[in-house]
Amino acid sequence: MTPGELRDFCLSFNAAVEDFPFSPEISVFKVLGKMFALSFLDARPLTVNLKCDPDDAIRLRADHPGLIVPGWHMNKRHWNTVTVGGGPDGGPGGGLPERVVRELVEDSYDLVVAGLPRADRLRLDRP
C-alpha cells in the first residue's frame, strides 16, 4: 500500500477528512472532528497510528511483533502503530498485507464512530 493509497482509503469513509493540526507533514484523518488515523505519509517505512479495542490491541501486537506496536505518542492502551506493507501480500517494505491494514483502518474508523453521539452516528448511516 502506497502513501497515496492509504490516504485515499482513509478518506473513503463517510465524513472522513484530512487535517494537519500538528504539522504540515503529519496527516490526521478524522470523522466529525474525532481522529481515527494519523500518519507521516512521507516516512519510510510507512506507518499509521490506529485506534484499537484494548484487548484486540494486545492480541494484534502478539500476532504481529514489530509490525504492530503500542501507539507512538498515543495512549498505548487504545492506539497501535502499524507498519504498512508494499503490496497486497505485504510486498516490499516488509509491512503488513494490504488486506490487514485496510481491516485495521476500518476497525479504527468504526470504533471512533461508535463513540459519537447517536444523532451523529445516524447522520453517518451507522447504528
C-alpha atoms as a PDB file:
ATOM      1  CA  MET A   1       0.000   0.000   0.000  1.00  0.00           C
ATOM      2  CA  THR A   2       1.440   3.347  -1.014  1.00  0.00           C
ATOM      3  CA  PRO A   3       1.038   6.553   0.984  1.00  0.00           C
ATOM      4  CA  GLY A   4      -1.464   7.776  -1.626  1.00  0.00           C
ATOM      5  CA  GLU A   5      -3.484   4.581  -1.366  1.00  0.00           C
ATOM      6  CA  LEU A   6      -3.518   4.865   2.437  1.00  0.00           C
ATOM      7  CA  ARG A   7      -4.690   8.487   2.205  1.00  0.00           C
ATOM      8  CA  ASP A   8      -7.389   7.614  -0.357  1.00  0.00           C
ATOM      9  CA  PHE A   9      -8.623   4.696   1.741  1.00  0.00           C
ATOM     10  CA  CYS A  10      -8.840   6.796   4.921  1.00  0.00           C
ATOM     11  CA  LEU A  11     -10.763   9.478   3.024  1.00  0.00           C
ATOM     12  CA  SER A  12     -13.182   6.934   1.509  1.00  0.00           C
ATOM     13  CA  PHE A  13     -15.221   6.669   4.727  1.00  0.00           C
ATOM     14  CA  ASN A  14     -18.347   8.745   5.359  1.00  0.00           C
ATOM     15  CA  ALA A  15     -17.492  12.268   6.583  1.00  0.00           C
ATOM     16  CA  ALA A  16     -13.745  11.496   6.745  1.00  0.00           C
ATOM     17  CA  VAL A  17     -11.423  14.473   6.333  1.00  0.00           C
ATOM     18  CA  GLU A  18      -7.674  15.018   6.390  1.00  0.00           C
ATOM     19  CA  ASP A  19      -6.348  17.637   8.786  1.00  0.00           C
ATOM     20  CA  PHE A  20      -2.888  18.876   9.785  1.00  0.00           C
ATOM     21  CA  PRO A  21      -3.204  20.077  13.410  1.00  0.00           C
ATOM     22  CA  PHE A  22       0.344  19.080  14.434  1.00  0.00           C
ATOM     23  CA  SER A  23       2.425  19.969  11.363  1.00  0.00           C
ATOM     24  CA  PRO A  24       2.071  20.046   7.568  1.00  0.00           C
ATOM     25  CA  GLU A  25       3.848  16.673   7.353  1.00  0.00           C
ATOM     26  CA  ILE A  26       1.516  14.728   9.648  1.00  0.00           C
ATOM     27  CA  SER A  27      -1.833  13.708   8.182  1.00  0.00           C
ATOM     28  CA  VAL A  28      -4.608  13.291  10.722  1.00  0.00           C
ATOM     29  CA  PHE A  29      -7.756  11.594   9.456  1.00  0.00           C
ATOM     30  CA  LYS A  30     -10.926  12.469  11.349  1.00  0.00           C
ATOM     31  CA  VAL A  31     -14.623  11.717  11.300  1.00  0.00           C
ATOM     32  CA  LEU A  32     -16.796  14.528  12.641  1.00  0.00           C
ATOM     33  CA  GLY A  33     -13.808  16.030  14.441  1.00  0.00           C
ATOM     34  CA  LYS A  34     -12.566  12.797  16.048  1.00  0.00           C
ATOM     35  CA  MET A  35      -9.264  11.243  14.966  1.00  0.00           C
ATOM     36  CA  PHE A  36      -9.226   7.667  13.670  1.00  0.00           C
ATOM     37  CA  ALA A  37      -5.832   7.586  11.901  1.00  0.00           C
ATOM     38  CA  LEU A  38      -2.567   9.527  11.966  1.00  0.00           C
ATOM     39  CA  SER A  39       0.372   9.106   9.607  1.00  0.00           C
ATOM     40  CA  PHE A  40       3.542  10.826   8.467  1.00  0.00           C
ATOM     41  CA  LEU A  41       2.905   9.760   4.868  1.00  0.00           C
ATOM     42  CA  ASP A  42       6.477  10.530   3.744  1.00  0.00           C
ATOM     43  CA  ALA A  43       8.056   8.249   6.375  1.00  0.00           C
ATOM     44  CA  ARG A  44       9.864   5.067   5.429  1.00  0.00           C
ATOM     45  CA  PRO A  45       8.735   2.613   6.490  1.00  0.00           C
ATOM     46  CA  LEU A  46       5.197   3.889   6.175  1.00  0.00           C
ATOM     47  CA  THR A  47       3.319   3.626   9.469  1.00  0.00           C
ATOM     48  CA  VAL A  48      -0.116   4.675  10.649  1.00  0.00           C
ATOM     49  CA  ASN A  49      -1.482   5.107  14.174  1.00  0.00           C
ATOM     50  CA  LEU A  50      -4.904   3.497  14.545  1.00  0.00           C
ATOM     51  CA  LYS A  51      -7.414   3.274  17.376  1.00  0.00           C
ATOM     52  CA  CYS A  52      -7.999  -0.263  18.613  1.00  0.00           C
ATOM     53  CA  ASP A  53     -10.011  -2.122  21.230  1.00  0.00           C
ATOM     54  CA  PRO A  54      -7.597  -2.663  24.152  1.00  0.00           C
ATOM     55  CA  ASP A  55      -7.978  -6.472  24.150  1.00  0.00           C
ATOM     56  CA  ASP A  56      -7.545  -6.636  20.376  1.00  0.00           C
ATOM     57  CA  ALA A  57      -4.521  -4.330  20.609  1.00  0.00           C
ATOM     58  CA  ILE A  58      -2.697  -6.801  22.852  1.00  0.00           C
ATOM     59  CA  ARG A  59      -3.567  -9.754  20.597  1.00  0.00           C
ATOM     60  CA  LEU A  60      -2.545  -7.932  17.422  1.00  0.00           C
ATOM     61  CA  ARG A  61       0.813  -6.909  18.914  1.00  0.00           C
ATOM     62  CA  ALA A  62       1.475 -10.542  19.872  1.00  0.00           C
ATOM     63  CA  ASP A  63       0.393 -11.841  16.443  1.00  0.00           C
ATOM     64  CA  HIS A  64       2.487  -9.275  14.518  1.00  0.00           C
ATOM     65  CA  PRO A  65       5.585  -8.486  16.610  1.00  0.00           C
ATOM     66  CA  GLY A  66       7.486  -5.480  15.302  1.00  0.00           C
ATOM     67  CA  LEU A  67       4.762  -4.638  12.757  1.00  0.00           C
ATOM     68  CA  ILE A  68       2.081  -3.649  15.260  1.00  0.00           C
ATOM     69  CA  VAL A  69       3.385  -1.877  18.342  1.00  0.00           C
ATOM     70  CA  PRO A  70       1.896   0.388  21.021  1.00  0.00           C
ATOM     71  CA  GLY A  71       0.866   3.720  19.515  1.00  0.00           C
ATOM     72  CA  TRP A  72       3.759   6.152  19.200  1.00  0.00           C
ATOM     73  CA  HIS A  73       2.935   9.336  21.162  1.00  0.00           C
ATOM     74  CA  MET A  74      -0.573   7.992  21.787  1.00  0.00           C
ATOM     75  CA  ASN A  75      -2.497   6.289  24.595  1.00  0.00           C
ATOM     76  CA  LYS A  76      -0.776   2.881  24.373  1.00  0.00           C
ATOM     77  CA  ARG A  77      -3.855   1.061  25.623  1.00  0.00           C
ATOM     78  CA  HIS A  78      -6.127   2.284  22.814  1.00  0.00           C
ATOM     79  CA  TRP A  79      -3.761   3.007  19.905  1.00  0.00           C
ATOM     80  CA  ASN A  80      -1.387   0.917  17.792  1.00  0.00           C
ATOM     81  CA  THR A  81       1.294   1.977  15.349  1.00  0.00           C
ATOM     82  CA  VAL A  82       1.010  -0.263  12.289  1.00  0.00           C
ATOM     83  CA  THR A  83       3.779  -0.764   9.704  1.00  0.00           C
ATOM     84  CA  VAL A  84       2.186  -0.715   6.269  1.00  0.00           C
ATOM     85  CA  GLY A  85       3.389  -3.195   3.634  1.00  0.00           C
ATOM     86  CA  GLY A  86       4.044  -2.513  -0.024  1.00  0.00           C
ATOM     87  CA  GLY A  87       1.544  -4.750  -1.790  1.00  0.00           C
ATOM     88  CA  PRO A  88      -1.499  -6.985  -1.286  1.00  0.00           C
ATOM     89  CA  ASP A  89       0.662  -9.680   0.358  1.00  0.00           C
ATOM     90  CA  GLY A  90       2.857  -7.322   2.370  1.00  0.00           C
ATOM     91  CA  GLY A  91       5.239  -6.984  -0.550  1.00  0.00           C
ATOM     92  CA  PRO A  92       8.269  -4.719  -0.480  1.00  0.00           C
ATOM     93  CA  GLY A  93       8.864  -2.905   2.760  1.00  0.00           C
ATOM     94  CA  GLY A  94       8.111  -5.895   4.975  1.00  0.00           C
ATOM     95  CA  GLY A  95       4.943  -4.454   6.490  1.00  0.00           C
ATOM     96  CA  LEU A  96       1.524  -5.964   6.966  1.00  0.00           C
ATOM     97  CA  PRO A  97      -0.503  -7.182   3.991  1.00  0.00           C
ATOM     98  CA  GLU A  98      -2.760  -4.506   2.495  1.00  0.00           C
ATOM     99  CA  ARG A  99      -5.868  -6.517   3.401  1.00  0.00           C
ATOM    100  CA  VAL A 100      -4.909  -6.464   7.102  1.00  0.00           C
ATOM    101  CA  VAL A 101      -4.102  -2.738   7.042  1.00  0.00           C
ATOM    102  CA  ARG A 102      -7.473  -1.997   5.430  1.00  0.00           C
ATOM    103  CA  GLU A 103      -9.279  -4.035   8.105  1.00  0.00           C
ATOM    104  CA  LEU A 104      -7.419  -2.213  10.886  1.00  0.00           C
ATOM    105  CA  VAL A 105      -8.177   1.225   9.414  1.00  0.00           C
ATOM    106  CA  GLU A 106     -11.846   0.306   9.066  1.00  0.00           C
ATOM    107  CA  ASP A 107     -11.934  -1.029  12.648  1.00  0.00           C
ATOM    108  CA  SER A 108     -10.390   2.233  13.874  1.00  0.00           C
ATOM    109  CA  TYR A 109     -12.979   4.301  11.990  1.00  0.00           C
ATOM    110  CA  ASP A 110     -15.805   2.104  13.342  1.00  0.00           C
ATOM    111  CA  LEU A 111     -14.558   2.429  16.940  1.00  0.00           C
ATOM    112  CA  VAL A 112     -14.457   6.209  16.690  1.00  0.00           C
ATOM    113  CA  VAL A 113     -17.905   6.352  15.091  1.00  0.00           C
ATOM    114  CA  ALA A 114     -19.280   4.067  17.825  1.00  0.00           C
ATOM    115  CA  GLY A 115     -18.191   6.658  20.388  1.00  0.00           C
ATOM    116  CA  LEU A 116     -20.018   9.510  18.650  1.00  0.00           C
ATOM    117  CA  PRO A 117     -23.417  10.737  19.850  1.00  0.00           C
ATOM    118  CA  ARG A 118     -26.331   8.749  18.422  1.00  0.00           C
ATOM    119  CA  ALA A 119     -27.531  11.643  16.265  1.00  0.00           C
ATOM    120  CA  ASP A 120     -24.104  11.861  14.602  1.00  0.00           C
ATOM    121  CA  ARG A 121     -23.987   8.095  14.019  1.00  0.00           C
ATOM    122  CA  LEU A 122     -27.408   8.242  12.385  1.00  0.00           C
ATOM    123  CA  ARG A 123     -26.214  11.070  10.096  1.00  0.00           C
ATOM    124  CA  LEU A 124     -23.436   8.703   9.002  1.00  0.00           C
ATOM    125  CA  ASP A 125     -25.923   5.857   8.426  1.00  0.00           C
ATOM    126  CA  ARG A 126     -24.207   3.761  11.103  1.00  0.00           C
ATOM    127  CA  PRO A 127     -26.301   2.474  14.026  1.00  0.00           C
END
